[in-house]
N, C-alpha and C. Protein backbone atom coordinates (compact mmCIF):
# COMPACT_ATOMS: atom_id res chain seq x y z
N MET A 1 42.28 48.50 -89.69
CA MET A 1 41.81 49.44 -90.85
C MET A 1 41.99 48.58 -92.07
N SER A 2 40.74 48.79 -92.70
CA SER A 2 40.39 47.66 -93.85
C SER A 2 41.48 48.26 -95.07
N GLU A 3 41.20 47.14 -96.08
CA GLU A 3 42.13 47.74 -97.11
C GLU A 3 41.75 48.81 -97.97
N ALA A 4 40.56 49.18 -98.17
CA ALA A 4 39.60 50.00 -98.81
C ALA A 4 40.06 51.45 -97.98
N ASN A 5 40.28 51.20 -96.58
CA ASN A 5 40.74 52.51 -95.87
C ASN A 5 41.81 52.94 -96.54
N ASN A 6 42.90 51.89 -96.19
CA ASN A 6 44.36 52.00 -96.59
C ASN A 6 44.50 52.73 -97.92
N ASP A 7 43.67 52.20 -98.92
CA ASP A 7 43.66 52.64 -100.51
C ASP A 7 43.43 54.00 -100.15
N ALA A 8 42.52 54.36 -99.54
CA ALA A 8 41.94 55.84 -99.45
C ALA A 8 43.11 56.80 -98.98
N LYS A 9 43.93 56.19 -97.98
CA LYS A 9 44.90 57.12 -97.26
C LYS A 9 45.96 57.32 -98.14
N LYS A 10 46.07 56.21 -99.21
CA LYS A 10 47.20 56.52 -100.31
C LYS A 10 46.85 57.55 -101.16
N LYS A 11 45.67 57.85 -101.51
CA LYS A 11 45.25 58.66 -102.85
C LYS A 11 45.68 60.23 -102.56
N SER A 12 45.54 60.98 -103.57
CA SER A 12 45.71 62.43 -103.14
C SER A 12 44.24 63.09 -102.82
N VAL A 13 44.24 64.38 -102.34
CA VAL A 13 42.80 64.74 -102.09
C VAL A 13 42.20 64.82 -103.68
N GLN A 14 42.76 65.35 -104.65
CA GLN A 14 41.96 65.44 -105.94
C GLN A 14 41.40 64.02 -106.20
N GLU A 15 42.18 62.98 -106.26
CA GLU A 15 41.87 61.55 -106.29
C GLU A 15 40.46 61.26 -105.64
N LYS A 16 40.82 61.71 -104.37
CA LYS A 16 39.36 61.47 -103.28
C LYS A 16 38.23 62.14 -103.64
N LEU A 17 38.23 63.67 -104.11
CA LEU A 17 37.44 64.31 -104.58
C LEU A 17 36.40 63.88 -105.79
N THR A 18 37.59 63.00 -106.75
CA THR A 18 36.96 62.45 -107.75
C THR A 18 36.07 61.35 -107.34
N ASP A 19 36.80 60.68 -106.34
CA ASP A 19 35.63 59.22 -106.08
C ASP A 19 34.46 59.58 -105.42
N LEU A 20 34.57 60.97 -104.48
CA LEU A 20 33.17 61.35 -103.94
C LEU A 20 32.43 61.77 -105.12
N SER A 21 32.78 62.59 -106.05
CA SER A 21 31.85 63.08 -107.16
C SER A 21 31.16 61.81 -108.01
N GLU A 22 32.11 60.88 -108.05
CA GLU A 22 31.57 59.45 -108.64
C GLU A 22 30.34 59.09 -107.89
N LEU A 23 30.68 59.05 -106.49
CA LEU A 23 29.59 58.54 -105.51
C LEU A 23 28.25 59.52 -105.61
N VAL A 24 28.60 60.58 -105.55
CA VAL A 24 27.36 61.65 -105.53
C VAL A 24 26.83 61.36 -106.93
N GLY A 25 27.39 61.17 -107.93
CA GLY A 25 26.80 60.84 -109.17
C GLY A 25 25.84 59.47 -109.38
N TRP A 26 26.30 58.95 -108.48
CA TRP A 26 25.89 57.52 -108.11
C TRP A 26 24.10 57.48 -107.91
N PHE A 27 23.79 58.41 -106.91
CA PHE A 27 22.79 58.89 -106.45
C PHE A 27 21.52 59.49 -107.35
N GLN A 28 22.30 60.17 -108.61
CA GLN A 28 21.52 60.75 -109.41
C GLN A 28 21.72 59.94 -110.62
N GLY A 29 22.28 59.09 -110.94
CA GLY A 29 22.33 58.15 -111.82
C GLY A 29 21.25 57.36 -112.12
N ASP A 30 21.34 56.39 -113.26
CA ASP A 30 19.96 55.29 -113.25
C ASP A 30 20.59 54.04 -112.77
N SER A 31 21.80 53.91 -112.23
CA SER A 31 21.92 52.73 -111.68
C SER A 31 21.47 52.68 -109.94
N PHE A 32 21.21 53.73 -109.75
CA PHE A 32 20.56 54.04 -108.53
C PHE A 32 19.81 52.87 -107.49
N LYS A 33 19.81 52.43 -106.63
CA LYS A 33 19.05 51.18 -106.07
C LYS A 33 18.84 51.75 -104.78
N LEU A 34 17.49 51.69 -104.01
CA LEU A 34 17.26 52.13 -102.83
C LEU A 34 18.10 51.26 -101.70
N GLU A 35 18.27 49.92 -102.16
CA GLU A 35 18.68 48.73 -101.38
C GLU A 35 20.42 49.14 -100.97
N ASP A 36 20.88 49.97 -102.15
CA ASP A 36 22.33 50.12 -102.15
C ASP A 36 22.84 51.73 -101.50
N ALA A 37 21.40 52.40 -101.44
CA ALA A 37 21.82 53.57 -100.84
C ALA A 37 22.24 54.22 -99.54
N LEU A 38 22.40 53.22 -98.72
CA LEU A 38 22.70 53.59 -97.41
C LEU A 38 24.21 53.28 -97.16
N ASP A 39 24.28 52.13 -97.73
CA ASP A 39 25.98 51.77 -97.84
C ASP A 39 26.59 52.96 -98.77
N LYS A 40 26.34 53.36 -99.74
CA LYS A 40 26.80 54.10 -100.80
C LYS A 40 26.93 55.80 -99.82
N PHE A 41 25.96 56.03 -99.38
CA PHE A 41 25.86 57.21 -98.54
C PHE A 41 26.83 57.25 -97.22
N LYS A 42 27.15 56.12 -96.36
CA LYS A 42 27.93 55.93 -95.72
C LYS A 42 29.38 56.01 -96.28
N ASP A 43 29.90 55.46 -97.43
CA ASP A 43 31.28 55.41 -98.00
C ASP A 43 31.21 57.10 -98.25
N ALA A 44 30.18 57.62 -98.95
CA ALA A 44 30.50 59.14 -99.37
C ALA A 44 31.09 59.79 -98.14
N GLU A 45 29.99 59.71 -96.85
CA GLU A 45 30.16 60.40 -95.76
C GLU A 45 31.55 59.94 -95.06
N ALA A 46 32.40 58.89 -95.27
CA ALA A 46 33.54 58.74 -94.56
C ALA A 46 34.68 58.98 -95.64
N LEU A 47 34.31 59.40 -97.00
CA LEU A 47 35.35 60.02 -97.58
C LEU A 47 35.29 61.54 -97.60
N ALA A 48 34.28 62.46 -97.51
CA ALA A 48 34.06 63.52 -97.10
C ALA A 48 34.63 63.70 -95.90
N GLU A 49 34.79 63.01 -94.99
CA GLU A 49 35.59 63.43 -93.50
C GLU A 49 37.09 63.19 -93.92
N GLU A 50 37.28 62.20 -94.49
CA GLU A 50 38.79 62.06 -94.72
C GLU A 50 39.32 63.20 -95.68
N ILE A 51 38.40 63.73 -96.61
CA ILE A 51 39.04 64.78 -97.57
C ILE A 51 39.32 66.03 -96.36
N GLU A 52 38.22 66.31 -95.63
CA GLU A 52 38.07 67.41 -94.71
C GLU A 52 39.50 67.52 -93.62
N LYS A 53 39.84 66.01 -93.12
CA LYS A 53 40.96 66.05 -92.55
C LYS A 53 42.50 66.39 -93.31
N ASP A 54 42.48 65.84 -94.71
CA ASP A 54 43.30 66.13 -95.52
C ASP A 54 43.57 67.60 -95.65
N LEU A 55 42.40 68.21 -96.06
CA LEU A 55 42.26 69.74 -96.17
C LEU A 55 42.88 70.53 -94.99
N THR A 56 42.53 70.17 -93.98
CA THR A 56 42.89 70.74 -92.54
C THR A 56 44.21 70.51 -92.41
N LYS A 57 45.05 69.34 -92.43
CA LYS A 57 46.13 69.40 -92.42
C LYS A 57 47.28 70.03 -93.54
N LEU A 58 46.70 70.18 -94.53
CA LEU A 58 47.37 71.07 -95.71
C LEU A 58 47.22 72.29 -95.14
N LYS A 59 46.08 72.98 -94.59
CA LYS A 59 45.82 74.14 -94.28
C LYS A 59 47.09 74.55 -93.14
N ASN A 60 46.96 73.76 -92.41
CA ASN A 60 48.04 73.98 -91.11
C ASN A 60 49.49 73.95 -91.56
N ASP A 61 49.68 73.01 -92.30
CA ASP A 61 51.14 72.95 -93.20
C ASP A 61 51.57 74.36 -93.63
N ILE A 62 50.36 75.12 -94.78
CA ILE A 62 50.57 76.00 -95.34
C ILE A 62 50.75 77.34 -94.36
N GLN A 63 50.09 77.17 -93.12
CA GLN A 63 49.99 78.29 -92.11
C GLN A 63 51.55 78.29 -91.40
N VAL A 64 51.97 76.80 -91.47
CA VAL A 64 53.55 76.88 -90.56
C VAL A 64 54.59 77.25 -91.38
N VAL A 65 54.42 77.32 -92.88
CA VAL A 65 55.36 77.55 -94.15
C VAL A 65 55.27 79.19 -93.76
N LYS A 66 54.05 79.44 -93.94
CA LYS A 66 53.77 81.14 -93.95
C LYS A 66 54.44 81.84 -92.83
N LYS A 67 54.26 81.31 -91.58
CA LYS A 67 54.51 81.72 -90.44
C LYS A 67 56.17 81.73 -90.73
N ARG A 68 56.92 80.43 -90.76
CA ARG A 68 58.39 80.69 -91.15
C ARG A 68 58.94 81.72 -92.11
N PHE A 69 58.27 81.77 -93.11
CA PHE A 69 58.44 82.89 -94.19
C PHE A 69 58.27 84.45 -93.63
N ASP A 70 57.37 84.49 -92.86
CA ASP A 70 57.18 85.90 -92.18
C ASP A 70 58.19 85.89 -91.18
N THR A 71 58.51 85.07 -90.46
CA THR A 71 59.69 85.61 -89.53
C THR A 71 61.08 85.52 -90.17
N GLN A 72 61.35 85.20 -91.25
CA GLN A 72 62.51 85.47 -92.17
C GLN A 72 62.84 86.65 -92.68
N GLU A 73 61.50 87.51 -92.92
CA GLU A 73 61.68 88.80 -93.64
C GLU A 73 62.35 89.95 -92.54
């Protein structure tokens, strides 16, 4: 696993969303270069997939806690 990937794993979902927003903003900004677009797109795509995985895990964790809470009543 690459160092950048390890850093991304350590970030919170909010930090990852901020990074994704910055990548999306790059496409709309003045520094856009077609030559760099494919790499930026791949980075954004990978980050979006990671965010989706994180959110799915959080959703599952919440469901487990809710189920425990419901059975204790």
